[in-house]
């Protein structure tokens, strides 16, 4: 699975699950090397989410999922930061979302 697809899948799981475990993700994604997923969390997601993304064992969770949603709905700065992050991960998807938001 490509890195972009993997990260978007991880983001989807983080937004819908209470916690996301690396080994379970690897199995559900058909990823041969769970280390790739671990590196995605460490190198990309943790720097972006900071203290909101926590780790217990090999599982990650976002603090107060409802608060996370509120940030994107009411905080323009956070929305811009997320779009900046998305532009790094997937330029095509970023351009589509940016086009929708500018309408």
N, C-alpha and C. Protein backbone atom coordinates (compact mmCIF):
# COMPACT_ATOMS: atom_id res chain seq x y z
N UNK A 1 0.84 -1.17 0.00
CA UNK A 1 0.00 0.00 0.00
C UNK A 1 0.89 1.24 0.00
N UNK A 2 0.52 2.23 -0.79
CA UNK A 2 1.30 3.46 -0.87
C UNK A 2 1.18 4.25 0.43
N UNK A 3 2.21 5.03 0.70
CA UNK A 3 2.26 5.79 1.94
C UNK A 3 1.06 6.72 2.10
N UNK A 4 0.69 7.42 1.04
CA UNK A 4 -0.43 8.34 1.10
C UNK A 4 -1.71 7.62 1.48
N UNK A 5 -1.98 6.52 0.83
CA UNK A 5 -3.18 5.73 1.12
C UNK A 5 -3.14 5.21 2.54
N UNK A 6 -1.98 4.77 2.97
CA UNK A 6 -1.80 4.24 4.32
C UNK A 6 -2.11 5.31 5.37
N UNK A 7 -1.59 6.51 5.17
CA UNK A 7 -1.79 7.59 6.14
C UNK A 7 -3.26 8.01 6.17
N UNK A 8 -3.88 8.12 5.02
CA UNK A 8 -5.30 8.49 4.99
C UNK A 8 -6.15 7.42 5.68
N UNK A 9 -5.80 6.16 5.50
CA UNK A 9 -6.52 5.08 6.17
C UNK A 9 -6.33 5.18 7.68
N UNK A 10 -5.10 5.46 8.11
CA UNK A 10 -4.83 5.62 9.55
C UNK A 10 -5.65 6.77 10.11
N UNK A 11 -5.69 7.90 9.39
CA UNK A 11 -6.47 9.05 9.84
C UNK A 11 -7.95 8.70 9.96
N UNK A 12 -8.45 7.94 9.00
CA UNK A 12 -9.85 7.52 9.06
C UNK A 12 -10.09 6.66 10.30
N UNK A 13 -9.19 5.73 10.57
CA UNK A 13 -9.34 4.87 11.73
C UNK A 13 -9.26 5.66 13.03
N UNK A 14 -8.34 6.62 13.10
CA UNK A 14 -8.23 7.45 14.30
C UNK A 14 -9.49 8.26 14.55
N UNK A 15 -10.16 8.66 13.48
CA UNK A 15 -11.36 9.48 13.65
C UNK A 15 -12.60 8.65 13.99
N UNK A 16 -12.56 7.35 13.74
CA UNK A 16 -13.74 6.52 13.99
C UNK A 16 -13.57 5.51 15.11
N UNK A 17 -12.35 5.28 15.56
CA UNK A 17 -12.08 4.29 16.60
C UNK A 17 -11.57 4.97 17.87
N UNK A 18 -11.78 4.32 19.01
CA UNK A 18 -11.25 4.86 20.26
C UNK A 18 -9.73 4.76 20.30
N UNK A 19 -9.21 3.67 19.73
CA UNK A 19 -7.75 3.50 19.66
C UNK A 19 -7.43 2.69 18.41
N UNK A 20 -6.20 2.87 17.94
CA UNK A 20 -5.75 2.20 16.73
C UNK A 20 -4.42 1.53 17.05
N UNK A 21 -4.36 0.21 16.86
CA UNK A 21 -3.15 -0.54 17.17
C UNK A 21 -2.40 -0.88 15.88
N UNK A 22 -1.09 -0.76 15.95
CA UNK A 22 -0.23 -0.92 14.77
C UNK A 22 -0.38 -2.31 14.16
N UNK A 23 -0.32 -3.36 14.97
CA UNK A 23 -0.40 -4.72 14.43
C UNK A 23 -1.75 -5.00 13.78
N UNK A 24 -2.83 -4.53 14.41
CA UNK A 24 -4.16 -4.72 13.84
C UNK A 24 -4.31 -3.95 12.52
N UNK A 25 -3.76 -2.74 12.49
CA UNK A 25 -3.79 -1.95 11.26
C UNK A 25 -3.05 -2.68 10.14
N UNK A 26 -1.88 -3.20 10.47
CA UNK A 26 -1.08 -3.90 9.47
C UNK A 26 -1.86 -5.07 8.88
N UNK A 27 -2.53 -5.83 9.74
CA UNK A 27 -3.33 -6.96 9.25
C UNK A 27 -4.49 -6.50 8.39
N UNK A 28 -5.21 -5.48 8.84
CA UNK A 28 -6.39 -5.04 8.08
C UNK A 28 -6.01 -4.37 6.76
N UNK A 29 -4.81 -3.82 6.69
CA UNK A 29 -4.36 -3.14 5.47
C UNK A 29 -3.59 -4.07 4.55
N UNK A 30 -3.27 -5.26 5.02
CA UNK A 30 -2.47 -6.17 4.23
C UNK A 30 -1.02 -5.72 4.13
N UNK A 31 -0.59 -4.94 5.10
CA UNK A 31 0.77 -4.41 5.13
C UNK A 31 1.70 -5.49 5.67
N UNK A 32 2.73 -5.81 4.91
CA UNK A 32 3.66 -6.87 5.31
C UNK A 32 4.55 -6.44 6.47
N UNK A 33 4.88 -5.17 6.51
CA UNK A 33 5.80 -4.68 7.53
C UNK A 33 5.12 -3.65 8.43
N UNK A 34 4.74 -4.03 9.66
CA UNK A 34 4.10 -3.09 10.57
C UNK A 34 5.00 -1.89 10.91
N UNK A 35 6.28 -2.05 10.67
CA UNK A 35 7.22 -0.96 10.94
C UNK A 35 6.90 0.27 10.09
N UNK A 36 6.40 0.06 8.87
CA UNK A 36 6.00 1.19 8.03
C UNK A 36 4.92 2.03 8.71
N UNK A 37 3.94 1.35 9.29
CA UNK A 37 2.85 2.04 9.97
C UNK A 37 3.39 2.74 11.21
N UNK A 38 4.25 2.05 11.94
CA UNK A 38 4.85 2.65 13.14
C UNK A 38 5.61 3.93 12.76
N UNK A 39 6.34 3.89 11.67
CA UNK A 39 7.08 5.08 11.21
C UNK A 39 6.14 6.20 10.78
N UNK A 40 5.00 5.86 10.18
CA UNK A 40 4.02 6.88 9.81
C UNK A 40 3.53 7.62 11.06
N UNK A 41 3.24 6.87 12.11
CA UNK A 41 2.82 7.50 13.36
C UNK A 41 3.93 8.39 13.91
N UNK A 42 5.12 7.84 13.97
CA UNK A 42 6.25 8.55 14.59
C UNK A 42 6.70 9.77 13.79
N UNK A 43 6.84 9.61 12.49
CA UNK A 43 7.45 10.66 11.66
C UNK A 43 6.46 11.68 11.11
N UNK A 44 5.21 11.29 10.91
CA UNK A 44 4.25 12.19 10.26
C UNK A 44 3.11 12.59 11.19
N UNK A 45 2.43 11.60 11.77
CA UNK A 45 1.23 11.92 12.55
C UNK A 45 1.54 12.54 13.91
N UNK A 46 2.52 12.02 14.62
CA UNK A 46 2.86 12.57 15.95
C UNK A 46 3.31 14.02 15.86
N UNK A 47 4.20 14.39 14.93
CA UNK A 47 4.57 15.81 14.83
C UNK A 47 3.37 16.70 14.50
N UNK A 48 2.43 16.20 13.72
CA UNK A 48 1.26 17.02 13.36
C UNK A 48 0.29 17.16 14.53
N UNK A 49 -0.06 16.05 15.17
CA UNK A 49 -1.05 16.09 16.24
C UNK A 49 -0.46 16.43 17.60
N UNK A 50 0.83 16.25 17.77
CA UNK A 50 1.48 16.62 19.03
C UNK A 50 0.91 15.84 20.21
N UNK A 51 0.59 16.57 21.28
CA UNK A 51 0.11 15.95 22.51
C UNK A 51 -1.28 15.33 22.39
N UNK A 52 -1.99 15.64 21.33
CA UNK A 52 -3.33 15.05 21.16
C UNK A 52 -3.26 13.59 20.74
N UNK A 53 -2.12 13.16 20.19
CA UNK A 53 -1.94 11.77 19.80
C UNK A 53 -1.07 11.09 20.84
N UNK A 54 -1.64 10.09 21.50
CA UNK A 54 -0.93 9.40 22.56
C UNK A 54 -0.76 7.93 22.22
N UNK A 55 0.26 7.34 22.85
CA UNK A 55 0.60 5.95 22.58
C UNK A 55 0.60 5.16 23.88
N UNK A 56 -0.04 3.99 23.84
CA UNK A 56 0.01 3.04 24.94
C UNK A 56 0.30 1.69 24.31
N UNK A 57 1.47 1.12 24.62
CA UNK A 57 1.89 -0.12 23.96
C UNK A 57 2.12 0.15 22.49
N UNK A 58 1.47 -0.64 21.63
CA UNK A 58 1.58 -0.37 20.18
C UNK A 58 0.30 0.27 19.64
N UNK A 59 -0.52 0.82 20.54
CA UNK A 59 -1.78 1.46 20.15
C UNK A 59 -1.71 2.97 20.32
N UNK A 60 -2.39 3.67 19.43
CA UNK A 60 -2.46 5.13 19.47
C UNK A 60 -3.91 5.56 19.60
N UNK A 61 -4.11 6.70 20.24
CA UNK A 61 -5.45 7.27 20.34
C UNK A 61 -5.35 8.79 20.42
N UNK A 62 -6.41 9.42 19.95
CA UNK A 62 -6.50 10.88 20.03
C UNK A 62 -7.27 11.23 21.29
N UNK A 63 -6.77 12.20 22.02
CA UNK A 63 -7.48 12.65 23.21
C UNK A 63 -8.77 13.34 22.82
N UNK A 64 -9.84 13.01 23.50
CA UNK A 64 -11.14 13.65 23.33
C UNK A 64 -11.51 13.84 21.87
N UNK A 65 -11.95 12.78 21.28
CA UNK A 65 -12.29 12.79 19.87
C UNK A 65 -13.28 13.91 19.52
N UNK A 66 -14.26 14.15 20.40
CA UNK A 66 -15.24 15.21 20.14
C UNK A 66 -14.56 16.57 20.07
N UNK A 67 -13.58 16.78 20.94
CA UNK A 67 -12.84 18.04 20.94
C UNK A 67 -12.06 18.18 19.63
N UNK A 68 -11.54 17.08 19.14
CA UNK A 68 -10.81 17.08 17.87
C UNK A 68 -11.72 17.55 16.73
N UNK A 69 -12.95 17.04 16.69
CA UNK A 69 -13.89 17.46 15.66
C UNK A 69 -14.22 18.95 15.80
N UNK A 70 -14.42 19.41 17.04
CA UNK A 70 -14.74 20.82 17.28
C UNK A 70 -13.63 21.73 16.79
N UNK A 71 -12.39 21.30 16.93
CA UNK A 71 -11.27 22.12 16.47
C UNK A 71 -11.37 22.40 14.98
N UNK A 72 -11.72 21.39 14.22
CA UNK A 72 -11.81 21.57 12.77
C UNK A 72 -13.05 22.36 12.37
N UNK A 73 -14.11 22.27 13.15
CA UNK A 73 -15.33 22.99 12.81
C UNK A 73 -15.25 24.47 13.17
N UNK A 74 -14.54 24.80 14.26
CA UNK A 74 -14.58 26.16 14.78
C UNK A 74 -13.24 26.88 14.76
N UNK A 75 -12.17 26.19 14.51
CA UNK A 75 -10.86 26.82 14.58
C UNK A 75 -10.24 26.86 13.19
N UNK A 76 -10.25 28.03 12.60
CA UNK A 76 -9.75 28.21 11.24
C UNK A 76 -8.25 27.87 11.15
N UNK A 77 -7.48 28.22 12.17
CA UNK A 77 -6.04 27.95 12.15
C UNK A 77 -5.77 26.45 12.09
N UNK A 78 -6.49 25.67 12.89
CA UNK A 78 -6.30 24.22 12.88
C UNK A 78 -6.69 23.63 11.53
N UNK A 79 -7.75 24.14 10.95
CA UNK A 79 -8.16 23.66 9.62
C UNK A 79 -7.07 23.94 8.59
N UNK A 80 -6.48 25.13 8.67
CA UNK A 80 -5.39 25.47 7.75
C UNK A 80 -4.19 24.55 7.96
N UNK A 81 -3.87 24.25 9.23
CA UNK A 81 -2.74 23.36 9.52
C UNK A 81 -3.01 21.96 8.96
N UNK A 82 -4.24 21.50 9.09
CA UNK A 82 -4.58 20.19 8.57
C UNK A 82 -4.45 20.18 7.05
N UNK A 83 -4.93 21.23 6.39
CA UNK A 83 -4.80 21.30 4.94
C UNK A 83 -3.33 21.34 4.52
N UNK A 84 -2.50 22.03 5.28
CA UNK A 84 -1.06 22.06 4.99
C UNK A 84 -0.48 20.65 5.12
N UNK A 85 -0.88 19.94 6.17
CA UNK A 85 -0.44 18.56 6.36
C UNK A 85 -0.91 17.69 5.19
N UNK A 86 -2.16 17.86 4.80
CA UNK A 86 -2.71 17.09 3.70
C UNK A 86 -1.98 17.38 2.40
N UNK A 87 -1.55 18.62 2.21
CA UNK A 87 -0.83 18.97 0.98
C UNK A 87 0.50 18.23 0.89
N UNK A 88 1.08 17.91 2.03
CA UNK A 88 2.33 17.14 2.06
C UNK A 88 2.06 15.68 1.72
N UNK A 89 0.96 15.17 2.24
CA UNK A 89 0.64 13.75 2.10
C UNK A 89 0.08 13.42 0.72
N UNK A 90 -0.87 14.24 0.24
CA UNK A 90 -1.54 13.92 -1.03
C UNK A 90 -1.96 15.22 -1.72
N UNK A 91 -1.16 15.66 -2.67
CA UNK A 91 -1.40 16.93 -3.35
C UNK A 91 -2.72 16.91 -4.12
N UNK A 92 -3.03 15.81 -4.76
CA UNK A 92 -4.26 15.73 -5.55
C UNK A 92 -5.49 15.90 -4.66
N UNK A 93 -5.54 15.18 -3.55
CA UNK A 93 -6.67 15.30 -2.62
C UNK A 93 -6.72 16.70 -2.02
N UNK A 94 -5.57 17.25 -1.69
CA UNK A 94 -5.49 18.61 -1.16
C UNK A 94 -6.12 19.60 -2.13
N UNK A 95 -5.78 19.50 -3.40
CA UNK A 95 -6.33 20.42 -4.41
C UNK A 95 -7.84 20.27 -4.55
N UNK A 96 -8.33 19.04 -4.44
CA UNK A 96 -9.78 18.81 -4.52
C UNK A 96 -10.49 19.46 -3.33
N UNK A 97 -9.96 19.26 -2.13
CA UNK A 97 -10.57 19.83 -0.93
C UNK A 97 -10.47 21.35 -0.96
N UNK A 98 -9.33 21.86 -1.36
CA UNK A 98 -9.14 23.30 -1.43
C UNK A 98 -10.13 23.92 -2.42
N UNK A 99 -10.35 23.25 -3.54
CA UNK A 99 -11.33 23.72 -4.52
C UNK A 99 -12.74 23.74 -3.96
N UNK A 100 -13.10 22.72 -3.19
CA UNK A 100 -14.42 22.68 -2.57
C UNK A 100 -14.60 23.79 -1.54
N UNK A 101 -13.55 24.05 -0.77
CA UNK A 101 -13.64 25.08 0.27
C UNK A 101 -13.69 26.48 -0.29
N UNK A 102 -13.13 26.69 -1.46
CA UNK A 102 -13.09 28.03 -2.03
C UNK A 102 -14.39 28.42 -2.74
N UNK A 103 -15.29 27.48 -2.88
CA UNK A 103 -16.58 27.76 -3.56
C UNK A 103 -17.50 28.56 -2.69
